[in-house]
Amino acid sequence: MATDVLVAVANFVQELGGAAGEVIPPRGELEPLLAAINCLDDLRAFLRHILTQALQYREQHTNRTHQIIEQAKQYIETHLASQELSLHTVAAAVGWSPSHFSTVFSRETGVTFVAYLTARRIDEAMHLLRTTTLSTGDIAYQVGYHNPRYFYAVFKRATGQSPSEYRQQGASSGS
């Protein structure tokens, strides 16, 4: 039973992105602990300790993950206009590998990094179209698209309208 719990805890910690050794003692320490279990109460105490460690790890990891994702979102906001903003630059800014960051970002936000970045850029473009008289090309540049034609295509795909149509609709509706 103890072995099954240890394997389950190891898998649990690994699914959170950690190493089993962060919760389970190394084999050299674990064997004497298991050998010292002489009764059901000892087994319960040992299992309770391991499960408590796993839950504490999950809580620390979840809080840390949330902080990292918020840090990444803030980095995106600060660098939204940069054409260089990418999964790789944001992952580097938070100190994670791109593949790990991509997986965790998607899991935590419910959208891929690219979908999130595109949505933020389009939201900012919509705001600028409603509140400024900047040209579409200038707005494209300010939200990180240095090719106005590409911006136009992305905007139309995201909103169903061209930037000019969106601006005109906003002006006619009094927004």
Protein backbone atom coordinates (compact mmCIF):
# COMPACT_ATOMS: atom_id res chain seq x y z
CA MET A 1 0.00 0.00 0.00
CA ALA A 2 2.80 2.42 0.89
CA THR A 3 4.48 1.73 -2.45
CA ASP A 4 1.26 2.47 -4.34
CA VAL A 5 0.84 5.77 -2.50
CA LEU A 6 4.48 6.71 -3.14
CA VAL A 7 4.09 6.00 -6.87
CA ALA A 8 0.86 8.00 -7.00
CA VAL A 9 2.48 10.93 -5.17
CA ALA A 10 5.51 10.79 -7.46
CA ASN A 11 3.24 10.90 -10.53
CA PHE A 12 1.22 13.73 -8.99
CA VAL A 13 4.30 15.85 -8.35
CA GLN A 14 5.64 15.14 -11.84
CA GLU A 15 2.31 16.21 -13.38
CA LEU A 16 2.75 19.52 -11.57
CA GLY A 17 6.15 19.88 -13.23
CA GLY A 18 8.25 18.88 -10.25
CA ALA A 19 10.49 16.00 -9.33
CA ALA A 20 9.36 13.25 -6.95
CA GLY A 21 12.40 13.94 -4.76
CA GLU A 22 10.92 17.30 -3.83
CA VAL A 23 8.26 15.45 -1.78
CA ILE A 24 9.44 11.86 -1.32
CA PRO A 25 12.68 11.20 0.58
CA PRO A 26 15.55 9.65 -1.41
CA ARG A 27 15.68 5.86 -1.52
CA GLY A 28 18.50 5.72 1.04
CA GLU A 29 16.31 7.55 3.58
CA LEU A 30 13.04 5.98 2.50
CA GLU A 31 13.99 2.33 3.04
CA PRO A 32 14.75 2.76 6.78
CA LEU A 33 11.51 4.74 7.20
CA LEU A 34 9.48 1.96 5.62
CA ALA A 35 11.36 -0.73 7.56
CA ALA A 36 10.51 1.07 10.82
CA ILE A 37 6.76 0.74 10.21
CA ASN A 38 5.57 -1.91 12.67
CA CYS A 39 1.85 -1.27 12.97
CA LEU A 40 -1.13 0.27 11.25
CA ASP A 41 -0.75 3.55 13.18
CA ASP A 42 2.86 3.90 11.95
CA LEU A 43 1.70 3.28 8.38
CA ARG A 44 -1.08 5.87 8.72
CA ALA A 45 1.35 8.44 10.13
CA PHE A 46 3.85 7.82 7.31
CA LEU A 47 1.20 8.03 4.59
CA ARG A 48 -0.35 11.13 6.17
CA HIS A 49 3.08 12.79 6.18
CA ILE A 50 3.75 11.96 2.51
CA LEU A 51 0.28 13.08 1.40
CA THR A 52 0.57 16.31 3.41
CA GLN A 53 3.92 17.00 1.74
CA ALA A 54 2.33 16.41 -1.68
CA LEU A 55 -0.56 18.78 -0.93
CA GLN A 56 1.80 21.44 0.37
CA TYR A 57 3.89 21.07 -2.78
CA ARG A 58 0.76 21.47 -4.92
CA GLU A 59 -0.22 24.62 -3.06
CA GLN A 60 3.25 26.15 -3.37
CA HIS A 61 3.51 25.13 -7.02
CA THR A 62 0.03 26.45 -7.87
CA ASN A 63 0.71 29.81 -6.22
CA ARG A 64 4.09 30.06 -7.92
CA THR A 65 2.59 29.08 -11.26
CA HIS A 66 -0.13 31.70 -10.89
CA GLN A 67 2.50 34.33 -10.08
CA ILE A 68 4.59 33.32 -13.12
CA ILE A 69 1.56 33.50 -15.43
CA GLU A 70 0.64 36.93 -14.04
CA GLN A 71 4.24 38.04 -14.53
CA ALA A 72 4.07 36.79 -18.14
CA LYS A 73 0.80 38.67 -18.74
CA GLN A 74 2.35 41.84 -17.36
CA TYR A 75 5.36 41.37 -19.61
CA ILE A 76 3.01 41.01 -22.57
CA GLU A 77 1.20 44.23 -21.63
CA THR A 78 4.45 46.13 -21.30
CA HIS A 79 5.86 44.84 -24.59
CA LEU A 80 2.64 44.59 -26.63
CA ALA A 81 3.96 46.95 -29.31
CA SER A 82 7.15 44.96 -29.82
CA GLN A 83 7.32 42.91 -32.98
CA GLU A 84 9.84 40.76 -31.10
CA LEU A 85 7.23 39.67 -28.52
CA SER A 86 6.89 35.91 -28.81
CA LEU A 87 6.47 32.74 -26.81
CA HIS A 88 10.26 32.49 -26.59
CA THR A 89 10.80 36.05 -25.32
CA VAL A 90 8.06 35.79 -22.71
CA ALA A 91 9.27 32.35 -21.56
CA ALA A 92 12.80 33.75 -21.23
CA ALA A 93 11.47 36.73 -19.27
CA VAL A 94 9.89 34.42 -16.67
CA GLY A 95 12.80 31.97 -16.67
CA TRP A 96 11.04 28.93 -18.11
CA SER A 97 11.67 26.88 -21.23
CA PRO A 98 9.34 27.75 -24.11
CA SER A 99 7.75 24.29 -24.19
CA HIS A 100 7.07 24.20 -20.44
CA PHE A 101 5.82 27.79 -20.47
CA SER A 102 3.51 27.06 -23.41
CA THR A 103 1.98 24.03 -21.69
CA VAL A 104 1.49 25.76 -18.35
CA PHE A 105 0.21 29.00 -19.93
CA SER A 106 -2.43 27.07 -21.90
CA ARG A 107 -3.45 25.03 -18.87
CA GLU A 108 -3.71 28.06 -16.59
CA THR A 109 -5.42 30.48 -18.99
CA GLY A 110 -7.48 28.09 -21.09
CA VAL A 111 -6.06 29.51 -24.35
CA THR A 112 -2.82 29.08 -26.23
CA PHE A 113 -0.14 31.73 -25.93
CA VAL A 114 -0.63 32.81 -29.56
CA ALA A 115 -4.41 33.09 -29.11
CA TYR A 116 -3.92 35.16 -25.94
CA LEU A 117 -1.37 37.47 -27.56
CA THR A 118 -3.52 37.95 -30.66
CA ALA A 119 -6.60 38.71 -28.55
CA ARG A 120 -4.67 41.28 -26.49
CA ARG A 121 -3.34 42.96 -29.62
CA ILE A 122 -6.76 43.03 -31.27
CA ASP A 123 -8.38 44.37 -28.07
CA GLU A 124 -5.82 47.15 -27.92
CA ALA A 125 -6.30 47.90 -31.62
CA MET A 126 -10.08 48.12 -31.10
CA HIS A 127 -9.53 50.53 -28.23
CA LEU A 128 -7.23 52.70 -30.35
CA LEU A 129 -9.65 52.65 -33.29
CA ARG A 130 -12.43 53.87 -30.98
CA THR A 131 -10.45 56.48 -29.09
CA THR A 132 -7.89 57.93 -31.50
CA THR A 133 -7.59 59.23 -35.04
CA LEU A 134 -4.38 57.31 -35.67
CA SER A 135 -4.12 55.66 -39.07
CA THR A 136 -4.69 51.93 -39.29
CA GLY A 137 -0.99 51.50 -40.14
CA ASP A 138 0.05 53.43 -37.02
CA ILE A 139 -2.33 51.37 -34.88
CA ALA A 140 -0.96 48.16 -36.40
CA TYR A 141 2.53 49.28 -35.44
CA GLN A 142 1.48 50.24 -31.91
CA VAL A 143 0.01 46.81 -31.25
CA GLY A 144 3.01 44.87 -32.55
CA TYR A 145 2.12 44.28 -36.20
CA HIS A 146 4.75 45.83 -38.40
CA ASN A 147 3.00 44.71 -41.57
CA PRO A 148 -0.30 46.63 -41.91
CA ARG A 149 -1.69 44.11 -44.42
CA TYR A 150 -1.13 41.26 -41.99
CA PHE A 151 -2.72 43.31 -39.20
CA TYR A 152 -5.73 43.97 -41.45
CA ALA A 153 -6.15 40.23 -42.12
CA VAL A 154 -5.78 39.27 -38.44
CA PHE A 155 -8.18 42.02 -37.34
CA LYS A 156 -10.80 41.02 -39.92
CA ARG A 157 -10.50 37.34 -38.99
CA ALA A 158 -10.86 38.18 -35.27
CA THR A 159 -13.70 40.70 -35.50
CA GLY A 160 -15.43 40.00 -38.80
CA GLN A 161 -14.78 43.61 -39.84
CA SER A 162 -11.90 45.53 -41.32
CA PRO A 163 -10.29 48.11 -39.03
CA SER A 164 -11.93 50.91 -41.05
CA GLU A 165 -15.36 49.28 -40.82
CA TYR A 166 -14.89 48.83 -37.09
CA ARG A 167 -13.90 52.48 -36.67
CA GLN A 168 -16.87 53.68 -38.74
CA GLN A 169 -19.29 51.48 -36.83
CA GLY A 170 -17.91 52.87 -33.55
CA ALA A 171 -18.23 56.44 -34.79
CA SER A 172 -21.80 55.93 -36.04
CA SER A 173 -22.92 54.22 -32.83
CA GLY A 174 -21.45 56.99 -30.69
CA SER A 175 -18.89 54.75 -28.95
